[in-house]
Each structure stands twice: as C-alpha cells, then as structure tokens.
C-alpha cells in the first residue's frame, strides 16, 4: 500500500457539511456587497515578494517572520504567497489603471498564507473577506465601511455590543506620526531596561507597533506612553470627528482606543477593529482603516483609499460561539428508485425538476441494482428532504409518480408526470 499523503500542517480541508457554513457566509457577504455597490476583484495567490516588503513594511511581523517566500527556479523571480490582499488589490488597481475614470469600490474573498503556529481560528492557510474603497478621500467612505460591517454582523445573527464591538483610532498623517514617534522613542528609551527583546528590536525601526504588544509586563509602560491623538492636527481631528458623527447618528457604539495601530505600515488617519471577548486571545474579528499613501508607494499616481479585512475561520467560530445557527442545506425532494428499469423516465423527470429550481437527491443504484424500499426511505428521511418521489413500475406505466410527504405534510398521492413541473412551482412558492 502506498504511503498516505496528508495536508500541509495548518492548511485544512473544508469538508461537507461544514463547507455549507462557508457557502452561507459567502452568500451573505456577496449580498451585502451588492447592497453597498462593491464589485468583486480576484487577484493571484502568488505575488512578487517586493510588493509586500514595500507595501507592508520591512519590519512588520508578516514580512520578517511569516511570509511564504521563495525564488522561482525557472526564472529567478522572488515570489510570495500572499499574506494579505490589500497590497495585491492596490497592485492590480495601479497596473490596470482602474482609477482612470474615478474611484472604485471592490471586494474579495479568498485564501491567504502566513507561516505561524497553527491554533484554533488561526491557520497557515486562512481565508479573508476584504472590502477596499479606492480613490475616495472623505470620512463618509470610512464610515460607510464601518456601517457595512455592522450590517454584516446583523445579517449573521450577531449582536452589537454583546458579540462584537467597535474600537476606533486615528493615526493622523505622516508628519504628525513623526512628531509622536520622536516623543515615543524618547519615552521608551527612558524605560529601555523594562522592554522585552521584541520591543527593543522595534524601538527605532517601528516603535508604534510596541503599543500593540501583548506582553502583560509591558502594559503599564504602554498605558503611560505618549498618545498619538495628542499630536493630531486640525485636519486629522476633523476627519475623525466626521466619522464619529456618522457612527453616533447611526447608533453604533464604539470605544476610542489610542493603542490601536494595526499591523501594517501603510495605514493613516482612521483605523478600526471589530473585537470580541467570545474567542479568547483571538479577539480581533475584523480590522481596517485608511491607507492614503499606499497607491503611490506601489507606483501609482497619489490617490486615497480605505478598506477592511476579516478572517472567515474566526468569524465562523464567533457565529458558532454566539449561538447563531446557519441553515443546514437539505434537498427538497428525494427520489426513490424501486427498479432500475425506471431510470430513463426517472432521470428525465428529475432533470425537469432541477431545471425548475428544485433541489433533488436521487438514491443511487448499486452493483446489484435498486436497494430495498425500506433502506431507501430511511435514507430519504435522513436526508432532510420534505418529499419523496417514488418511481414505481406500476405508477410509471400509468404515467404517474408517487409523491410522499416526509415531514407530516399530508398523505401520499399520485402525481401525473406531466404535472411535476407545475407541482415544483407550488413547492418553490411555499418555500
């Protein structure tokens, strides 16, 4: 026997019936995006490594520790599996001049890759939904994206404030961050003896990320550190206040979190996270913000942009923890096959039902022909179908099929084959 080959650690198969939960969530996302006027974009899973080094920042954890990077042995290109997709969307926007005729509202659904320790809700291949609004400078689009998230939580059966809550901050503009950076470095240098190895490494390269440390020993130092909000100028504060005004008017509760900085270097002005207490340490469900300099960084004409991304695995865990129950897909009809001789008429009839939009599961024939009626009806009942259609030889000889309700919806009756499509319309109308 050949040696069994298993999936790569941290990269999981998504199997039925669990895959139905993914489809349910993806359907909700696509419907949401249609309501908000966002169009789907699909970018390659493999991108040039410099895209992420330049876009995310050389001293981010993702670039330093987590990217799956390699050299293409055929031509020497430096490539990486995408660890996130904002940079890829911006690359595609620049490459194809998508902003030539004005701003674009885009969304994506797909796999990302990071080499980190696999744990529940956090895997080496994980899947994200993202929404990116490119070419729009106003705070209205920041607020729109946050409200879009709130709509999604409602669509998924999550309660705002109970299952998920909003945290908000502003990173201002580069000159404001530089002034804050100088004050922050001076403050942290005064506490250098108390910093851990990670913080000391970042002290001069990326001190803002130290504010996001999870080390409990550093929390008192971080809490007392200079706050970026105190360095914001009038325009940055006005932008933040405009976002807050929309959220206040919409009744969306939020907390200003001055330590919220996000993990990528490209953010400015508004940043936000939707967080939960239901998933332990995996508390961030969705995060995003404004990245007005990234398009220019990646070779395009300067243009503003804002977006968010959420992890599907983590969101499905939250839905489960919160007690929301995605519907389990079941067939409308289960076709019982008493005799293999019935197959031609049976399969033509089932094709007509499916063409009418009815979900039909046919009992398969084995090597020995049709299974017993008892075992077929047991399978029919276990399928969750509302009805069984029994294609018996005597009924078919009269141009009929037996219709048997499986969920206490009346008595068994005969249905002329020519009326099956009309019955299907009635069935769909009652669904």
Foldseek 3Di string as FASTA:
>chain_A
DDDDDDDDFQDDDQDPPNVVVVVLLVVLVVVLCVVVVAAEDDFDQKDQLVLCCLQFHCPFCQNPPWWPWDADPVPRTIMTGAQDCPSVVLLVCFVVVVCVPHKHKYKYKAWGATPDDDDQLDGRIFIKIKIKIWQDDALVVVLVQVVSVVVSCVVLVHDEPALKAKEKEFQADDVLVVVLLVQQLVLCVVVVVQDDPSCVVCSPPPNLCVLVDPDPSCVVSSVPGDFSVVSHDPVLVVRVVVSVVVCVVVVHDYHYDSSDDDRGPQAGRMKMFMFGPQPPPPTTFKIWHKRQCSSVSSPHDGGIMIMMMGTPSVVVVSSVSRPRDDDRDFFQEEEAEPFPVLVVVVVVLVVLLVVLPGGYHYDDADPVGHDDPVVSVVVRLVRVHQWYWYRDPVQVVVQWIWIQGNPPPDHIDIDHSVCSSVVSVVVVVVD
